[in-house]
Protein backbone atom coordinates (compact mmCIF):
# COMPACT_ATOMS: atom_id res chain seq x y z
CA MET A 1 86.78 140.06 146.92
CA LYS A 2 88.15 136.52 146.24
CA PHE A 3 86.46 134.35 143.63
CA ARG A 4 85.43 131.63 146.17
CA ALA A 5 83.84 134.23 148.46
CA ALA A 6 81.97 135.77 145.50
CA MET A 7 80.60 132.41 144.48
CA ALA A 8 79.57 131.54 148.02
CA THR A 9 77.79 134.82 148.36
CA ALA A 10 76.07 134.46 145.02
CA ALA A 11 74.95 130.96 145.88
CA VAL A 12 72.75 132.28 148.66
CA VAL A 13 70.54 134.08 146.11
CA PRO A 14 68.98 131.19 144.24
CA LEU A 15 68.83 129.03 147.37
CA ALA A 16 66.69 131.68 149.17
CA LEU A 17 64.67 132.26 145.96
CA GLY A 18 63.54 128.68 146.00
CA LEU A 19 61.34 129.43 149.09
CA ALA A 20 58.85 131.33 147.03
CA ALA A 21 55.45 129.64 146.97
CA CYS A 22 51.78 130.67 147.08
CA GLY A 23 48.15 129.46 147.09
CA ASN A 24 45.26 130.80 145.10
CA ASP A 25 41.85 131.57 146.59
CA LYS A 26 38.89 130.69 144.50
CA PRO A 27 35.81 132.75 145.58
CA GLU A 28 32.47 131.07 145.12
CA ALA A 29 29.99 132.51 142.59
CA THR A 30 27.48 134.94 144.04
CA GLY A 31 23.91 135.60 142.96
CA TYR A 32 20.39 136.32 144.22
CA LYS A 33 17.20 134.52 145.09
CA PRO A 34 13.97 135.57 143.43
CA SER A 35 11.37 137.06 145.69
CA VAL A 36 8.37 134.85 146.83
CA PRO A 37 5.13 135.71 145.04
CA ALA A 38 2.56 137.71 147.05
CA SER A 39 -0.18 135.70 148.69
CA THR A 40 -3.87 136.61 149.17
CA THR A 41 -4.13 134.71 152.41
CA PRO A 42 -4.61 137.06 155.35
CA ALA A 43 -1.35 137.45 157.38
CA PRO A 44 -1.41 135.78 160.78
CA THR A 45 -1.35 137.83 163.98
CA PRO A 46 2.28 138.78 164.83
CA VAL A 47 3.85 137.08 167.77
CA ALA A 48 6.84 138.06 169.77
CA THR A 49 10.03 136.44 168.65
CA LYS A 50 13.51 136.38 170.09
CA THR A 51 16.10 138.53 168.56
CA THR A 52 19.06 136.51 167.28
CA GLU A 53 22.58 137.77 167.33
CA PRO A 54 24.26 138.29 163.94
CA ALA A 55 26.57 135.41 162.96
CA GLN A 56 30.12 136.04 163.89
CA PRO A 57 32.88 135.67 161.19
CA ALA A 58 34.89 132.51 161.44
CA PRO A 59 38.24 133.08 163.13
CA VAL A 60 41.29 133.46 160.88
CA VAL A 61 43.43 130.27 160.84
CA HIS A 62 47.10 130.84 160.38
CA LEU A 63 49.68 128.34 159.22
CA ASN A 64 51.72 126.46 161.75
CA ARG A 65 54.54 123.81 161.93
CA VAL A 66 52.15 121.14 160.64
CA THR A 67 50.41 123.11 157.80
CA PHE A 68 53.22 125.41 156.66
CA VAL A 69 55.14 122.98 154.41
CA PRO A 70 52.08 121.35 152.81
CA ALA A 71 50.67 124.75 151.98
CA MET A 72 54.00 125.83 150.44
CA THR A 73 54.66 122.67 148.43
CA ALA A 74 51.11 122.45 147.14
CA ALA A 75 51.26 125.96 145.83
CA VAL A 76 54.72 126.00 144.22
CA GLY A 77 53.54 123.99 141.22
CA LYS A 78 51.39 126.98 140.15
CA GLN A 79 54.47 129.34 140.01
CA LYS A 80 56.15 129.55 136.67
CA SER A 81 58.31 132.61 137.19
CA TRP A 82 59.10 135.43 139.63
CA HIS A 83 61.10 138.66 139.94
CA THR A 84 63.35 139.27 142.92
CA ILE A 85 65.01 142.44 144.17
CA GLY A 86 67.28 141.96 147.25
CA THR A 87 69.79 143.58 149.49
CA MET A 88 72.70 141.92 151.32
CA SER A 89 74.35 143.72 154.24
CA MET A 90 77.11 142.83 156.71
CA ASN A 91 76.99 144.27 160.17
CA GLY A 92 74.78 147.02 158.96
CA ARG A 93 76.89 147.90 155.88
CA LYS A 94 75.33 147.29 152.53
CA LEU A 95 77.38 144.84 150.43
CA MET A 96 75.28 144.38 147.33
CA THR A 97 71.91 144.75 145.66
CA MET A 98 70.39 142.05 143.45
CA ASP A 99 67.87 142.12 140.72
CA GLY A 100 66.84 139.09 138.69
CA TYR A 101 64.32 136.71 137.35
CA GLN A 102 63.91 132.95 137.82
CA THR A 103 61.80 130.27 136.15
CA ALA A 104 60.79 126.89 137.59
CA ASN A 105 60.12 124.90 134.38
CA PRO A 106 62.55 124.97 132.74
CA VAL A 107 64.87 125.70 135.61
CA ALA A 108 66.65 128.96 134.80
CA MET A 109 67.87 132.20 136.44
CA SER A 110 69.26 135.53 135.34
CA MET A 111 70.62 137.78 138.06
CA GLU A 112 72.61 141.00 138.26
CA MET A 113 74.51 141.97 141.51
CA THR A 114 76.07 145.39 142.15
CA GLY A 115 77.86 146.91 145.07
CA GLU A 116 80.82 146.86 147.38
CA ALA A 117 81.21 143.08 147.05
CA PHE A 118 82.12 143.68 143.42
CA GLN A 119 84.06 146.95 143.78
CA GLY A 120 81.02 148.90 142.87
CA LYS A 121 80.65 147.16 139.49
CA THR A 122 78.06 144.65 138.23
CA ALA A 123 78.38 140.95 138.20
CA LYS A 124 76.01 138.76 136.23
CA ILE A 125 74.93 135.14 136.68
CA VAL A 126 72.79 133.09 134.26
CA VAL A 127 71.76 129.54 135.07
CA VAL A 128 70.11 127.30 132.45
CA LYS A 129 69.39 123.75 133.69
CA ASN A 130 72.71 122.33 134.86
CA THR A 131 75.02 125.04 133.54
CA ALA A 132 76.01 128.37 135.04
CA TYR A 133 77.44 131.31 133.10
CA VAL A 134 79.32 133.82 135.38
CA SER A 135 80.57 137.32 134.62
CA ILE A 136 82.45 138.83 137.53
CA PRO A 137 84.48 142.07 137.40
CA GLY A 138 88.20 141.33 137.78
CA MET A 139 87.67 137.60 137.11
CA THR A 140 86.32 137.58 133.59
CA PRO A 141 86.77 140.09 130.75
CA ALA A 142 84.16 142.79 130.60
CA GLY A 143 80.97 141.56 129.00
CA LYS A 144 82.24 137.95 128.92
CA PHE A 145 81.11 134.81 130.77
CA ALA A 146 82.86 131.78 132.11
CA GLU A 147 80.85 128.56 131.62
CA PHE A 148 80.59 125.91 134.28
CA LYS A 149 78.88 122.53 134.37
CA SER A 150 77.38 121.15 137.61
CA GLY A 151 80.09 119.28 139.54
CA ALA A 152 82.96 121.17 138.05
CA ASN A 153 83.47 123.38 141.02
CA GLU A 154 82.04 122.96 144.53
CA GLN A 155 80.90 126.58 144.96
CA LEU A 156 79.54 126.76 141.38
CA SER A 157 77.80 123.46 141.85
CA GLN A 158 75.98 124.89 144.78
CA LEU A 159 74.99 127.87 142.63
CA VAL A 160 73.69 125.71 139.74
CA GLU A 161 71.82 123.34 142.03
CA GLY A 162 70.44 126.28 143.96
CA GLY A 163 68.59 127.35 140.77
CA ASP A 164 66.28 124.35 141.17
CA PRO A 165 63.64 125.35 143.78
CA THR A 166 62.33 121.78 144.25
CA LYS A 167 65.53 120.96 146.20
CA ILE A 168 64.70 123.64 148.73
CA TYR A 169 61.07 122.55 149.20
CA LYS A 170 62.22 119.01 149.86
CA SER A 171 64.74 120.13 152.40
CA PHE A 172 62.11 122.09 154.28
CA GLY A 173 60.03 118.94 154.59
CA SER A 174 62.60 117.21 156.65
CA SER A 175 64.24 120.20 158.36
CA LEU A 176 61.40 122.39 159.54
CA MET A 177 61.47 122.91 163.23
CA ASP A 178 58.82 125.57 163.68
CA ALA A 179 56.63 128.00 161.91
CA LYS A 180 54.88 130.74 163.92
CA PHE A 181 52.58 133.53 162.94
CA ALA A 182 54.21 136.79 164.12
CA GLY A 183 51.60 139.29 163.32
CA GLU A 184 50.24 141.45 160.44
CA GLU A 185 52.41 144.24 158.87
CA THR A 186 51.75 146.58 155.99
CA ILE A 187 54.47 146.55 153.29
CA GLY A 188 54.18 148.48 150.16
CA GLY A 189 50.59 149.37 150.95
CA GLN A 190 49.68 145.69 151.29
CA LYS A 191 48.69 143.91 154.52
CA LEU A 192 50.85 140.81 154.93
CA ASP A 193 51.09 137.99 157.44
CA ARG A 194 54.58 137.57 158.89
CA TYR A 195 55.83 134.07 159.88
CA ASN A 196 59.03 133.20 161.61
CA VAL A 197 60.16 129.87 160.09
CA THR A 198 63.02 127.91 161.83
CA VAL A 199 64.83 125.08 160.02
CA ASN A 200 67.46 122.61 161.17
CA THR A 201 70.53 123.63 159.29
CA ALA A 202 72.14 120.20 159.14
CA LYS A 203 69.02 118.50 158.00
CA ALA A 204 68.32 121.15 155.39
CA LEU A 205 71.73 120.82 153.88
CA ALA A 206 71.72 117.00 154.14
CA ALA A 207 68.54 116.98 152.09
CA GLN A 208 70.41 118.74 149.41
CA GLY A 209 73.38 116.37 149.60
CA LYS A 210 75.63 118.94 151.33
CA LYS A 211 77.65 119.06 154.55
CA VAL A 212 77.42 121.75 157.31
CA PRO A 213 80.21 124.33 156.89
CA ALA A 214 82.20 125.30 160.01
CA GLY A 215 80.70 128.07 162.07
CA VAL A 216 77.11 127.61 160.69
CA PRO A 217 74.52 127.66 163.51
CA ALA A 218 72.43 124.57 164.24
CA ALA A 219 69.23 126.39 163.32
CA LEU A 220 68.32 129.21 160.93
CA THR A 221 65.19 131.33 161.20
CA TYR A 222 63.67 133.00 158.16
CA SER A 223 61.13 135.80 158.33
CA MET A 224 58.52 135.48 155.62
CA TRP A 225 55.77 137.83 154.71
CA MET A 226 52.74 136.33 152.92
CA ASP A 227 49.62 137.88 151.44
CA LYS A 228 46.18 136.33 152.18
CA ALA A 229 46.62 133.77 149.30
CA HIS A 230 49.95 132.53 150.91
CA LEU A 231 52.01 134.05 148.30
CA ILE A 232 55.50 135.16 149.69
CA ARG A 233 56.10 138.85 149.15
CA ARG A 234 59.20 139.29 151.28
CA LEU A 235 61.83 137.01 152.77
CA ALA A 236 64.63 137.89 155.21
CA PHE A 237 67.27 136.17 157.29
CA ASP A 238 70.42 136.90 159.26
CA LEU A 239 73.39 134.53 159.32
CA SER A 240 76.66 135.23 161.09
CA GLY A 241 76.42 139.03 160.71
CA VAL A 242 75.24 138.79 157.13
CA SER A 243 71.59 139.79 156.48
CA MET A 244 69.48 139.38 153.42
CA VAL A 245 66.18 140.93 152.49
CA MET A 246 64.38 139.97 149.29
CA ASN A 247 61.09 141.21 147.79
CA LEU A 248 59.39 138.90 145.33
CA THR A 249 56.98 140.17 142.70
CA ASP A 250 55.69 139.46 139.15
CA TYR A 251 54.69 135.91 139.70
CA ASN A 252 53.77 134.02 136.51
CA LYS A 253 54.64 136.80 134.15
CA PRO A 254 56.24 135.69 130.88
CA VAL A 255 60.07 135.28 131.29
CA HIS A 256 62.43 133.78 128.71
CA ILE A 257 66.03 133.17 129.94
CA THR A 258 68.69 131.85 127.52
CA ALA A 259 72.46 131.16 127.78
CA PRO A 260 74.82 133.91 126.51
CA PRO A 261 75.85 133.55 122.90
CA ALA A 262 79.08 131.58 122.18
CA SER A 263 80.91 134.87 121.25
CA LYS A 264 80.56 135.93 124.88
CA ILE A 265 81.81 132.78 126.55
CA VAL A 266 85.45 132.42 127.54
CA LYS A 267 87.40 129.49 129.07
């Protein structure tokens, strides 16, 4: 696999990761009311009363095109870190699996990718602020990383910038075309709400300062599975025969990502 293709593929990972967001439910405190003291006054004669129907639960309100982005952007500030395990396939054939962590503040990412796309070996990418460290079989010596600053290479710049989730949230604000509730599904023993979220590709890329590559469709639809607190647990999309499925877990668990030591960096 050529270096450019590998970088373009890898860039998809942090871009998609930036969609992770959630909300937190805050249940009200519960308690009891003390019983009324007994009275010595004789009880009045019972009279017939109408039987009232039990109160019906309020209908569940799902997110839509108007409420989806505000709910997502309001919640993202509460997420400090998350763990992602993903699979990328092409025309039904698995290309790679991904396993990594990302933090929002400071912006950082550590990702390992294994599979056919890397001749069955493992590639590693570390992003710390505006610098990416890339270790790709056949491109860098085993166990070594090449260092790239943002702006040094177009594909790598996309990778580094993709590590900043705020860019993705901003692009959703201007590019969202529709967000529809698609039903409830059970995944991993948990009941999740599935949404089909469609964005205008050109507007989403323009919001990130990028142009639309040739052959990219005018619109892209993501499938997003949320729990009842609006926390995204799974994300999937298909683009030109390439499909991606990502499961997101371990929100806000302690994660510390650092750059590789100088002894492992090569020019």
